[in-house]
Amino acid sequence: MIRTKKETIISMSIVIPSFILLCIFVYGFIIWSVITSLSKWDGIVPDFTFVGFANYESLFQNVRFQNDLWNTFFFTLFFIILSIVIGFVLALLIDRLVKGAGFFKTLFLFPMAISFVVTGVVWRWIFSPRMGINALVKMLIPAFQGWGWYTDPSQFLGFHVALIPVIIASSWQLSGYTMAMILAGLRGIPEEILEAVQIDGANGTQTFFRVIVPLLKPIILSALIVLGHISLKIFDLVYTMTGAGPAFATDVPGIFMFETTFRGNHYAEGASIAMVMLVMVALVIGPYLYNTLRKEKN
């Protein structure tokens, strides 16, 4: 009994400081941002005069923010598709390797060890109109005029062409993560199931789509949630690689919030952008967490 009390005290002494810090620096600042977003604070001097949802109304009427939401939609869509597809292909290739699997796993996971800032800087050089890919192609084809990449302001059906380099760079960094998750799932599938399917006469395509993919659905869903939450709050990679881009072609809510709050000193408007981003992330993560907790209780 005494030992149990001591263990309880030790456990609480470890947990309580973290809980207090979490309440202050996470939930406390979320509440502060909510209050600020509902205020009239516009400038260096704080002004917490209550204005209701006026900041949100003007925000959604802002053409730049509307453009940012479309950019976020397209970026999230193609970023997730590319990361999942590339990760799946890499996982299948490594799963079938007899030799060198460890080396290739390390190679494909290496981008995860690099920060988004470094990734942005490196890929900015790779997709530079004067260097990188353009310079390489021009060496092979002297008449080549070069592509604009992230300096191209053109768009197609609302999709800005300048987003393509950003999507490629981010997919390159996160595809190793999806590869690791899917590979773990593939290694966890019992061989008896695959052998039974082969005995029943299923070919490789049928085995993949009717057996492997359904068994990997929980892992794929987890990867989708993580990738989706990263894409919705993306900032550092885009900021270091392209910034807002030509005519806000690569602008995202994170950049808009940063410039509005810390360069324009429009704190109420910046807080409203931050709260919209928080709600978007919550809409992605919330249902997943709810479903997970419900399964654990059952």
Protein backbone atom coordinates (compact mmCIF):
# COMPACT_ATOMS: atom_id res chain seq x y z
CA MET A 1 0.00 0.00 0.00
CA ILE A 2 2.84 2.38 0.92
CA ARG A 3 4.65 1.50 -2.28
CA THR A 4 1.51 2.21 -4.30
CA LYS A 5 1.14 5.65 -2.69
CA LYS A 6 4.78 6.44 -3.37
CA GLU A 7 4.43 5.38 -6.99
CA THR A 8 1.31 7.55 -7.29
CA ILE A 9 3.09 10.57 -5.85
CA ILE A 10 6.10 10.08 -8.12
CA SER A 11 3.88 9.64 -11.16
CA MET A 12 1.84 12.76 -10.33
CA SER A 13 4.99 14.80 -9.69
CA ILE A 14 6.18 13.89 -13.20
CA VAL A 15 2.86 14.44 -14.97
CA ILE A 16 1.60 17.62 -13.23
CA PRO A 17 4.42 19.98 -14.42
CA SER A 18 3.91 18.84 -18.01
CA PHE A 19 0.15 19.23 -17.62
CA ILE A 20 0.55 22.78 -16.28
CA LEU A 21 2.89 23.76 -19.12
CA LEU A 22 0.49 22.22 -21.63
CA CYS A 23 -2.43 24.20 -20.20
CA ILE A 24 -0.46 27.45 -20.31
CA PHE A 25 1.48 27.25 -23.56
CA VAL A 26 -1.06 25.32 -25.67
CA TYR A 27 -4.62 25.72 -24.44
CA GLY A 28 -3.90 29.03 -22.74
CA PHE A 29 -2.58 30.58 -25.96
CA ILE A 30 -5.44 29.07 -27.96
CA ILE A 31 -7.89 30.88 -25.67
CA TRP A 32 -5.79 34.04 -26.00
CA SER A 33 -5.91 33.75 -29.79
CA VAL A 34 -9.69 33.29 -29.71
CA ILE A 35 -10.10 36.43 -27.58
CA THR A 36 -7.74 38.38 -29.85
CA SER A 37 -9.58 37.25 -32.99
CA LEU A 38 -12.82 38.63 -31.58
CA SER A 39 -11.26 41.98 -30.67
CA LYS A 40 -10.40 45.25 -32.42
CA TRP A 41 -6.63 44.91 -31.93
CA ASP A 42 -5.03 46.48 -35.01
CA GLY A 43 -1.60 47.93 -34.26
CA ILE A 44 1.12 47.76 -31.65
CA VAL A 45 -1.11 48.91 -28.78
CA PRO A 46 -3.51 46.13 -27.65
CA ASP A 47 -7.20 46.87 -28.08
CA PHE A 48 -9.53 44.15 -26.81
CA THR A 49 -12.74 45.92 -27.73
CA PHE A 50 -15.19 43.14 -28.62
CA VAL A 51 -16.24 43.14 -32.29
CA GLY A 52 -17.70 39.65 -32.55
CA PHE A 53 -17.08 37.80 -35.81
CA ALA A 54 -16.33 40.93 -37.82
CA ASN A 55 -12.71 39.86 -38.36
CA TYR A 56 -13.81 36.49 -39.68
CA GLU A 57 -16.37 38.07 -42.03
CA SER A 58 -13.78 40.42 -43.53
CA LEU A 59 -11.26 37.58 -43.68
CA PHE A 60 -13.45 35.32 -45.81
CA GLN A 61 -14.18 38.28 -48.10
CA ASN A 62 -10.44 38.81 -48.57
CA VAL A 63 -9.39 37.73 -52.08
CA ARG A 64 -5.95 36.68 -50.88
CA PHE A 65 -7.39 34.41 -48.18
CA GLN A 66 -9.80 32.85 -50.67
CA ASN A 67 -6.81 32.17 -52.93
CA ASP A 68 -4.92 30.68 -49.96
CA LEU A 69 -7.76 28.25 -49.24
CA TRP A 70 -7.74 27.05 -52.85
CA ASN A 71 -3.94 26.68 -52.74
CA THR A 72 -4.26 24.67 -49.52
CA PHE A 73 -6.90 22.44 -51.08
CA PHE A 74 -4.83 21.66 -54.19
CA PHE A 75 -1.60 21.33 -52.23
CA THR A 76 -3.20 18.94 -49.71
CA LEU A 77 -4.84 16.85 -52.43
CA PHE A 78 -1.76 16.29 -54.61
CA PHE A 79 0.70 16.16 -51.71
CA ILE A 80 -1.24 13.35 -50.01
CA ILE A 81 -1.78 11.40 -53.24
CA LEU A 82 1.90 11.62 -54.22
CA SER A 83 3.18 10.76 -50.74
CA ILE A 84 0.88 7.74 -50.39
CA VAL A 85 1.53 6.40 -53.91
CA ILE A 86 5.32 6.87 -53.74
CA GLY A 87 5.41 5.46 -50.21
CA PHE A 88 3.37 2.43 -51.30
CA VAL A 89 5.63 1.75 -54.29
CA LEU A 90 8.81 2.07 -52.22
CA ALA A 91 7.39 -0.17 -49.48
CA LEU A 92 6.45 -2.87 -51.99
CA LEU A 93 9.89 -2.73 -53.62
CA ILE A 94 11.74 -2.96 -50.30
CA ASP A 95 9.43 -5.73 -49.05
CA ARG A 96 10.47 -7.85 -52.02
CA LEU A 97 14.19 -7.12 -51.74
CA VAL A 98 16.32 -10.01 -50.55
CA LYS A 99 19.51 -7.99 -50.15
CA GLY A 100 20.05 -4.30 -49.48
CA ALA A 101 16.65 -3.67 -47.87
CA GLY A 102 18.23 -1.99 -44.83
CA PHE A 103 20.27 0.37 -47.00
CA PHE A 104 17.29 1.46 -49.08
CA LYS A 105 15.11 1.94 -46.00
CA THR A 106 17.73 4.29 -44.58
CA LEU A 107 18.08 6.05 -47.92
CA PHE A 108 14.34 6.70 -48.30
CA LEU A 109 13.91 7.69 -44.65
CA PHE A 110 16.80 10.16 -44.76
CA PRO A 111 14.68 13.14 -45.95
CA MET A 112 12.69 12.91 -42.72
CA ALA A 113 15.86 13.85 -40.81
CA ILE A 114 16.03 17.15 -42.71
CA SER A 115 14.04 20.16 -41.57
CA PHE A 116 11.46 21.75 -43.86
CA VAL A 117 13.63 24.87 -43.99
CA VAL A 118 16.60 22.98 -45.42
CA THR A 119 14.32 21.14 -47.84
CA GLY A 120 12.87 24.43 -49.03
CA VAL A 121 16.29 25.98 -49.63
CA VAL A 122 17.64 22.95 -51.52
CA TRP A 123 14.58 22.52 -53.74
CA ARG A 124 14.46 26.25 -54.37
CA TRP A 125 17.87 25.87 -55.99
CA ILE A 126 16.83 22.72 -57.88
CA PHE A 127 13.79 24.47 -59.39
CA SER A 128 15.51 27.80 -59.90
CA PRO A 129 14.78 29.25 -63.39
CA ARG A 130 18.52 29.91 -63.87
CA MET A 131 20.07 26.88 -62.14
CA GLY A 132 19.20 23.33 -61.16
CA ILE A 133 17.02 21.39 -63.59
CA ASN A 134 16.83 24.23 -66.11
CA ALA A 135 20.63 24.54 -66.29
CA LEU A 136 21.02 20.77 -66.69
CA VAL A 137 18.47 20.58 -69.51
CA LYS A 138 20.02 23.61 -71.22
CA MET A 139 23.41 21.87 -71.24
CA LEU A 140 21.81 18.98 -73.12
CA ILE A 141 19.52 21.11 -75.28
CA PRO A 142 21.09 24.55 -75.95
CA ALA A 143 17.87 25.88 -77.52
CA PHE A 144 15.92 25.16 -74.34
CA GLN A 145 14.39 28.37 -72.94
CA GLY A 146 13.70 27.02 -69.46
CA TRP A 147 10.59 26.62 -67.32
CA GLY A 148 9.44 29.23 -64.85
CA TRP A 149 8.69 26.71 -62.10
CA TYR A 150 7.76 28.61 -58.93
CA THR A 151 8.04 31.95 -60.77
CA ASP A 152 5.27 30.97 -63.21
CA PRO A 153 2.05 32.92 -62.39
CA SER A 154 -0.17 30.90 -64.75
CA GLN A 155 -2.97 28.68 -63.49
CA PHE A 156 -5.35 26.02 -64.73
CA LEU A 157 -8.87 25.64 -63.27
CA GLY A 158 -7.76 27.44 -60.13
CA PHE A 159 -4.57 25.41 -59.75
CA HIS A 160 -1.41 27.53 -59.79
CA VAL A 161 1.43 25.97 -61.78
CA ALA A 162 3.93 27.43 -59.29
CA LEU A 163 2.61 24.97 -56.67
CA ILE A 164 4.09 22.00 -58.56
CA PRO A 165 7.67 22.43 -57.22
CA VAL A 166 6.33 22.84 -53.67
CA ILE A 167 4.23 19.68 -53.96
CA ILE A 168 7.20 17.73 -55.32
CA ALA A 169 9.53 18.94 -52.56
CA SER A 170 7.10 18.17 -49.74
CA SER A 171 6.21 14.76 -51.20
CA TRP A 172 9.91 13.93 -51.46
CA GLN A 173 10.35 14.64 -47.75
CA LEU A 174 7.28 12.78 -46.46
CA SER A 175 7.08 9.79 -48.83
CA GLY A 176 9.70 8.03 -46.70
CA TYR A 177 7.39 8.34 -43.71
CA THR A 178 4.50 6.68 -45.55
CA MET A 179 6.93 4.07 -46.87
CA ALA A 180 7.96 3.17 -43.31
CA MET A 181 4.36 2.89 -42.10
CA ILE A 182 3.18 0.82 -45.06
CA LEU A 183 6.28 -1.39 -44.94
CA ALA A 184 5.58 -2.14 -41.28
CA GLY A 185 2.03 -3.07 -42.25
CA LEU A 186 3.21 -5.32 -45.08
CA ARG A 187 5.62 -7.11 -42.75
CA GLY A 188 2.73 -7.63 -40.33
CA ILE A 189 0.50 -9.47 -42.81
CA PRO A 190 0.62 -13.21 -42.01
CA GLU A 191 2.11 -15.34 -44.77
CA GLU A 192 -0.69 -17.87 -44.25
CA ILE A 193 -3.23 -15.38 -45.60
CA LEU A 194 -1.23 -14.68 -48.75
CA GLU A 195 -0.60 -18.39 -49.33
CA ALA A 196 -4.30 -19.16 -48.90
CA VAL A 197 -5.20 -16.47 -51.44
CA GLN A 198 -2.71 -17.89 -53.95
CA ILE A 199 -4.11 -21.37 -53.45
CA ASP A 200 -7.59 -20.00 -54.19
CA GLY A 201 -6.27 -18.84 -57.56
CA ALA A 202 -5.98 -15.09 -57.04
CA ASN A 203 -3.39 -13.34 -59.20
CA GLY A 204 -1.05 -10.56 -58.06
CA THR A 205 -3.44 -7.70 -58.86
CA GLN A 206 -6.36 -9.35 -57.09
CA THR A 207 -4.21 -10.13 -54.06
CA PHE A 208 -3.04 -6.54 -53.86
CA PHE A 209 -6.42 -4.80 -54.17
CA ARG A 210 -8.62 -7.35 -52.39
CA VAL A 211 -6.31 -8.54 -49.62
CA ILE A 212 -3.28 -6.30 -49.02
CA VAL A 213 -4.94 -2.89 -49.41
CA PRO A 214 -7.95 -3.74 -47.14
CA LEU A 215 -5.59 -5.08 -44.45
CA LEU A 216 -3.53 -1.88 -44.66
CA LYS A 217 -6.53 0.49 -44.44
CA PRO A 218 -5.91 1.47 -40.77
CA ILE A 219 -2.27 2.30 -41.54
CA ILE A 220 -3.18 4.23 -44.68
CA LEU A 221 -5.80 6.17 -42.71
CA SER A 222 -3.23 7.05 -40.05
CA ALA A 223 -0.83 8.26 -42.75
CA LEU A 224 -3.61 10.33 -44.34
CA ILE A 225 -4.36 12.02 -41.02
CA VAL A 226 -0.71 12.89 -40.36
CA LEU A 227 -0.08 14.12 -43.91
CA GLY A 228 -3.34 16.07 -43.95
CA HIS A 229 -2.56 17.89 -40.73
CA ILE A 230 0.96 18.74 -41.99
CA SER A 231 -0.35 20.09 -45.29
CA LEU A 232 -3.04 22.26 -43.69
CA LYS A 233 -0.55 24.11 -41.48
CA ILE A 234 2.41 24.10 -43.87
CA PHE A 235 4.56 27.21 -43.57
CA ASP A 236 8.34 26.82 -43.30
CA LEU A 237 8.92 24.81 -46.48
CA VAL A 238 6.79 27.11 -48.64
CA TYR A 239 8.16 30.26 -47.01
CA THR A 240 11.82 29.34 -47.58
CA MET A 241 11.24 27.87 -51.03
CA THR A 242 8.90 30.30 -52.77
CA GLY A 243 7.32 32.65 -50.25
CA ALA A 244 3.91 33.86 -51.37
CA GLY A 245 5.03 33.46 -54.98
CA PRO A 246 4.07 35.58 -58.00
CA ALA A 247 0.53 36.96 -57.57
CA PHE A 248 0.23 34.83 -54.40
CA ALA A 249 0.50 31.68 -56.53
CA THR A 250 2.10 29.69 -53.69
CA ASP A 251 0.62 31.61 -50.78
CA VAL A 252 -0.86 29.58 -47.91
CA PRO A 253 -2.73 30.61 -44.74
CA GLY A 254 0.42 30.16 -42.64
CA ILE A 255 2.34 32.75 -44.67
CA PHE A 256 -0.65 35.09 -44.73
CA MET A 257 -0.99 34.81 -40.95
CA PHE A 258 2.73 35.45 -40.39
CA GLU A 259 2.83 38.53 -42.62
CA THR A 260 -0.45 39.91 -41.28
CA THR A 261 0.50 39.48 -37.62
CA PHE A 262 4.24 40.09 -37.41
CA ARG A 263 4.82 42.40 -40.37
CA GLY A 264 1.54 44.26 -40.61
CA ASN A 265 0.79 44.28 -36.85
CA HIS A 266 -2.84 43.37 -37.57
CA TYR A 267 -3.09 41.09 -34.56
CA ALA A 268 -6.83 40.52 -34.56
CA GLU A 269 -6.87 39.57 -38.23
CA GLY A 270 -3.80 37.36 -37.79
CA ALA A 271 -5.43 35.60 -34.84
CA SER A 272 -8.56 34.94 -36.90
CA ILE A 273 -6.42 33.34 -39.63
CA ALA A 274 -4.73 31.18 -37.00
CA MET A 275 -8.10 30.07 -35.61
CA VAL A 276 -9.36 29.12 -39.07
CA MET A 277 -6.21 27.01 -39.53
CA LEU A 278 -6.81 25.39 -36.13
CA VAL A 279 -10.40 24.54 -37.08
CA MET A 280 -9.26 23.01 -40.40
CA VAL A 281 -6.73 20.81 -38.60
CA ALA A 282 -9.32 19.86 -35.95
CA LEU A 283 -11.79 18.82 -38.66
CA VAL A 284 -9.16 16.40 -39.99
CA ILE A 285 -7.86 15.03 -36.70
CA GLY A 286 -11.02 15.21 -34.57
CA PRO A 287 -13.06 12.41 -36.20
CA TYR A 288 -10.02 10.13 -36.25
CA LEU A 289 -9.30 10.66 -32.54
CA TYR A 290 -12.97 10.19 -31.67
CA ASN A 291 -13.15 6.94 -33.60
CA THR A 292 -9.91 5.69 -32.04
CA LEU A 293 -11.03 6.47 -28.47
CA ARG A 294 -14.41 4.83 -29.09
CA LYS A 295 -12.72 1.64 -30.30
CA GLU A 296 -10.43 1.59 -27.24
CA LYS A 297 -13.43 1.87 -24.89
CA ASN A 298 -15.21 -0.96 -26.68
